[in-house]
Amino acid sequence: VQLQASGGGLVQAGGSLRLSCAASGIVFSANAMSWYRQAPGKQRELVALIHSGGSTYYADSVKGRFTISRDNAKNTVYLQMNSLKPEDTAVYSCSANRNLRYWGQGTLVTVSS
């Protein structure tokens, strides 16, 4: 199983980034896909989740700013991040969950003030 995240980088506050996570080795369409983040010195937190049926969940801190989506034909999940804030700075990782949970490597997002 491989989950390859990309799209991180340095952006100014108020800017946007789009993260992608390409999956292989799983039945992508059957998995719930999620994005987590971990800031320095903090615990990992769930940012957004999209179920196999398309329903979504967002952490309160990102509601209205972030959008999670999936393309089952491309085995890819996305996280569109708008109106970024310095407190969004973290390593973002994607995860696939059906009967087992799989993790990908993270991509660093840095938001400067």
Protein backbone atom coordinates (compact mmCIF):
# COMPACT_ATOMS: atom_id res chain seq x y z
CA VAL A 1 0.00 0.00 0.00
CA GLN A 2 1.30 3.43 -0.91
CA LEU A 3 -0.16 6.82 -0.14
CA GLN A 4 1.85 9.57 -1.81
CA ALA A 5 1.05 13.08 -0.63
CA SER A 6 2.16 16.17 -2.52
CA GLY A 7 1.40 19.85 -2.90
CA GLY A 8 2.80 21.30 0.29
CA GLY A 9 4.96 24.39 0.35
CA LEU A 10 5.41 27.90 1.66
CA VAL A 11 2.52 30.32 1.29
CA GLN A 12 1.61 33.69 2.76
CA ALA A 13 -1.32 34.05 5.12
CA GLY A 14 -4.53 34.34 3.15
CA GLY A 15 -3.18 32.22 0.34
CA SER A 16 -4.22 28.83 -0.96
CA LEU A 17 -2.70 25.41 -1.51
CA ARG A 18 -4.05 22.17 -2.90
CA LEU A 19 -2.77 18.92 -1.48
CA SER A 20 -3.06 15.63 -3.33
CA CYS A 21 -2.69 12.07 -2.12
CA ALA A 22 -2.41 9.29 -4.67
CA ALA A 23 -3.17 5.80 -3.41
CA SER A 24 -2.17 2.39 -4.69
CA GLY A 25 -2.52 -1.12 -3.37
CA ILE A 26 -6.00 -0.59 -1.95
CA VAL A 27 -9.54 -0.61 -3.28
CA PHE A 28 -9.59 3.16 -3.17
CA SER A 29 -13.31 3.63 -3.72
CA ALA A 30 -14.12 1.47 -0.70
CA ASN A 31 -11.91 3.39 1.70
CA ALA A 32 -12.66 6.41 3.80
CA MET A 33 -9.88 8.91 3.11
CA SER A 34 -8.71 11.53 5.53
CA TRP A 35 -6.17 14.26 6.03
CA TYR A 36 -4.39 14.72 9.33
CA ARG A 37 -1.86 17.31 10.39
CA GLN A 38 0.76 17.61 13.07
CA ALA A 39 2.29 20.90 14.05
CA PRO A 40 5.61 21.08 15.91
CA GLY A 41 5.12 20.15 19.56
CA LYS A 42 1.46 19.27 19.07
CA GLN A 43 -0.53 16.09 18.71
CA ARG A 44 -1.69 14.89 15.34
CA GLU A 45 -5.22 16.03 14.58
CA LEU A 46 -7.86 15.06 12.06
CA VAL A 47 -8.42 17.85 9.56
CA ALA A 48 -10.95 16.40 7.13
CA LEU A 49 -12.45 13.08 6.14
CA ILE A 50 -14.43 11.86 3.16
CA HIS A 51 -16.30 8.59 3.31
CA SER A 52 -16.56 6.16 0.43
CA GLY A 53 -20.06 7.46 -0.19
CA GLY A 54 -18.87 11.05 -0.37
CA SER A 55 -20.02 12.43 2.97
CA THR A 56 -17.49 14.68 4.63
CA TYR A 57 -16.31 15.83 8.05
CA TYR A 58 -14.19 18.84 8.92
CA ALA A 59 -12.46 19.97 12.06
CA ASP A 60 -14.01 23.16 13.38
CA SER A 61 -10.74 25.00 12.85
CA VAL A 62 -10.88 24.51 9.07
CA LYS A 63 -14.62 24.59 8.32
CA GLY A 64 -15.43 27.01 5.54
CA ARG A 65 -11.79 27.25 4.47
CA PHE A 66 -10.77 23.69 3.52
CA THR A 67 -12.50 21.30 1.13
CA ILE A 68 -11.79 17.59 0.85
CA SER A 69 -12.67 15.75 -2.34
CA ARG A 70 -11.88 12.48 -4.04
CA ASP A 71 -11.51 11.18 -7.57
CA ASN A 72 -12.04 7.43 -7.50
CA ALA A 73 -11.00 7.12 -11.14
CA LYS A 74 -7.59 8.54 -10.25
CA ASN A 75 -7.33 6.92 -6.79
CA THR A 76 -6.62 10.36 -5.42
CA VAL A 77 -7.91 12.47 -2.55
CA TYR A 78 -7.47 16.23 -2.45
CA LEU A 79 -7.47 18.93 0.17
CA GLN A 80 -8.12 22.44 -1.10
CA MET A 81 -6.94 24.89 1.52
CA ASN A 82 -8.01 28.53 1.24
CA SER A 83 -7.58 31.52 3.51
CA LEU A 84 -4.59 29.88 5.12
CA LYS A 85 -3.44 31.05 8.53
CA PRO A 86 -0.07 30.72 10.24
CA GLU A 87 -1.66 28.24 12.65
CA ASP A 88 -2.30 25.93 9.71
CA THR A 89 1.45 25.33 9.51
CA ALA A 90 2.02 21.59 9.94
CA VAL A 91 2.97 18.36 8.26
CA TYR A 92 -0.13 17.09 6.49
CA SER A 93 -0.59 13.35 5.96
CA CYS A 94 -3.27 11.34 4.27
CA SER A 95 -4.78 8.13 5.58
CA ALA A 96 -6.93 5.38 4.13
CA ASN A 97 -9.28 3.42 6.33
CA ARG A 98 -11.50 0.48 5.64
CA ASN A 99 -10.80 -2.58 7.78
CA LEU A 100 -7.24 -1.41 8.31
CA ARG A 101 -5.74 2.07 8.47
CA TYR A 102 -2.86 3.04 6.24
CA TRP A 103 -0.72 6.14 6.43
CA GLY A 104 1.25 8.02 3.85
CA GLN A 105 4.28 10.21 4.34
CA GLY A 106 3.54 13.83 5.07
CA THR A 107 3.92 17.01 3.12
CA LEU A 108 4.95 20.20 4.87
CA VAL A 109 2.73 23.25 4.72
CA THR A 110 4.22 26.48 6.01
CA VAL A 111 2.09 29.61 6.25
CA SER A 112 3.95 32.84 6.84
CA SER A 113 2.37 35.86 8.50
